Protein backbone atom coordinates (compact mmCIF):
# COMPACT_ATOMS: atom_id res chain seq x y z
CA MET A 1 76.49 59.16 106.46
CA MET A 2 74.38 62.28 106.98
CA SER A 3 70.81 62.35 105.73
CA PRO A 4 69.75 65.35 103.65
CA PRO A 5 67.78 68.11 105.37
CA PRO A 6 64.01 67.48 105.41
CA SER A 7 63.28 70.47 103.15
CA THR A 8 64.95 68.84 100.14
CA ILE A 9 63.13 65.55 100.71
CA LYS A 10 59.78 67.31 100.69
CA GLN A 11 60.67 69.20 97.52
CA PHE A 12 61.49 65.98 95.69
CA ASP A 13 58.19 64.41 96.72
CA LEU A 14 56.40 67.38 95.21
CA LEU A 15 58.09 66.76 91.89
CA SER A 16 56.39 63.48 91.12
CA ARG A 17 57.59 61.26 88.30
CA GLU A 18 54.70 62.44 86.12
CA ASP A 19 55.59 66.09 86.54
CA LEU A 20 59.21 65.35 85.80
CA GLY A 21 58.19 63.53 82.62
CA LYS A 22 55.99 66.43 81.54
CA ARG A 23 58.78 68.90 82.18
CA LYS A 24 61.23 66.77 80.23
CA LYS A 25 58.81 66.48 77.28
CA LYS A 26 58.18 70.23 77.26
CA ASN A 27 61.91 70.91 77.26
CA ASN A 28 62.44 68.36 74.50
CA ASP A 29 59.63 69.80 72.37
CA ASN A 30 61.07 73.26 72.83
CA ASN A 31 64.52 72.09 71.79
CA ASN A 32 63.12 70.28 68.76
CA TYR A 33 61.25 73.44 67.77
CA LYS A 34 64.43 75.47 68.04
CA LYS A 35 66.35 72.89 65.99
CA LYS A 36 63.69 72.87 63.28
CA LYS A 37 63.68 76.67 63.16
CA LYS A 38 67.47 76.71 62.82
CA LYS A 39 67.31 74.12 60.03
CA LYS A 40 64.66 76.16 58.20
CA LYS A 41 66.78 79.30 58.51
CA LYS A 42 69.82 77.42 57.18
CA LYS A 43 67.78 76.08 54.26
CA LYS A 44 66.51 79.59 53.46
CA LYS A 45 70.06 80.94 53.58
CA LYS A 46 71.26 78.14 51.29
CA LYS A 47 68.43 78.88 48.84
CA LYS A 48 69.29 82.58 48.88
CA LYS A 49 72.97 81.77 48.27
CA LYS A 50 72.04 79.45 45.38
CA LYS A 51 69.83 82.16 43.86
CA LYS A 52 72.63 84.71 44.18
CA LYS A 53 75.09 82.30 42.56
CA LYS A 54 72.66 81.65 39.69
CA LYS A 55 72.17 85.38 39.18
CA LYS A 56 75.93 85.94 39.19
CA LYS A 57 76.43 83.14 36.66
CA LYS A 58 73.74 84.62 34.41
CA LYS A 59 75.37 88.04 34.64
CA MET A 60 78.78 86.61 33.81
CA LYS A 61 77.33 84.77 30.82
CA LYS A 62 75.75 88.00 29.58
CA LYS A 63 79.03 89.85 30.06
CA LYS A 64 80.92 87.18 28.13
CA LYS A 65 78.37 87.33 25.32
CA MET A 66 78.66 91.11 25.12
CA LYS A 67 82.45 90.90 25.07
CA LYS A 68 82.29 88.41 22.22
CA LYS A 69 79.88 90.67 20.33
CA LYS A 70 82.15 93.68 20.83
CA LYS A 71 85.18 91.72 19.63
CA LYS A 72 83.29 90.53 16.55
CA LYS A 73 82.17 94.08 15.80
CA LYS A 74 85.74 95.35 16.15
CA ILE A 75 87.03 92.69 13.75
CA MET A 76 84.24 93.42 11.26
CA THR A 77 84.90 97.18 11.29
CA LYS A 78 88.61 96.51 10.84
CA LYS A 79 87.87 94.29 7.84
CA LYS A 80 85.54 96.93 6.39
CA LYS A 81 88.19 99.61 6.75
CA GLU A 82 90.77 97.41 5.03
CA GLU A 83 88.36 96.74 2.18
CA GLU A 84 87.65 100.43 1.74
CA GLU A 85 91.38 101.22 1.64
CA ALA A 86 92.09 98.49 -0.85
């Protein structure tokens, strides 16, 4: 079995366990930050979508109401005309 070249051994000694731990923690914190940011963005998007849906529903309700009103008006004018003719 061949032993690794001395340069790599030295490099590993430089990276003590403590440094490795610090690096790992930093990486982990960074990843967690990214995840949180993504989650926040998703939540915001969901909220926006919900708001849009609500607005659309409201608009549709208004449209329906107006249609009903128009229909009623049409019927009433028709009845009025019939009464005038009679």
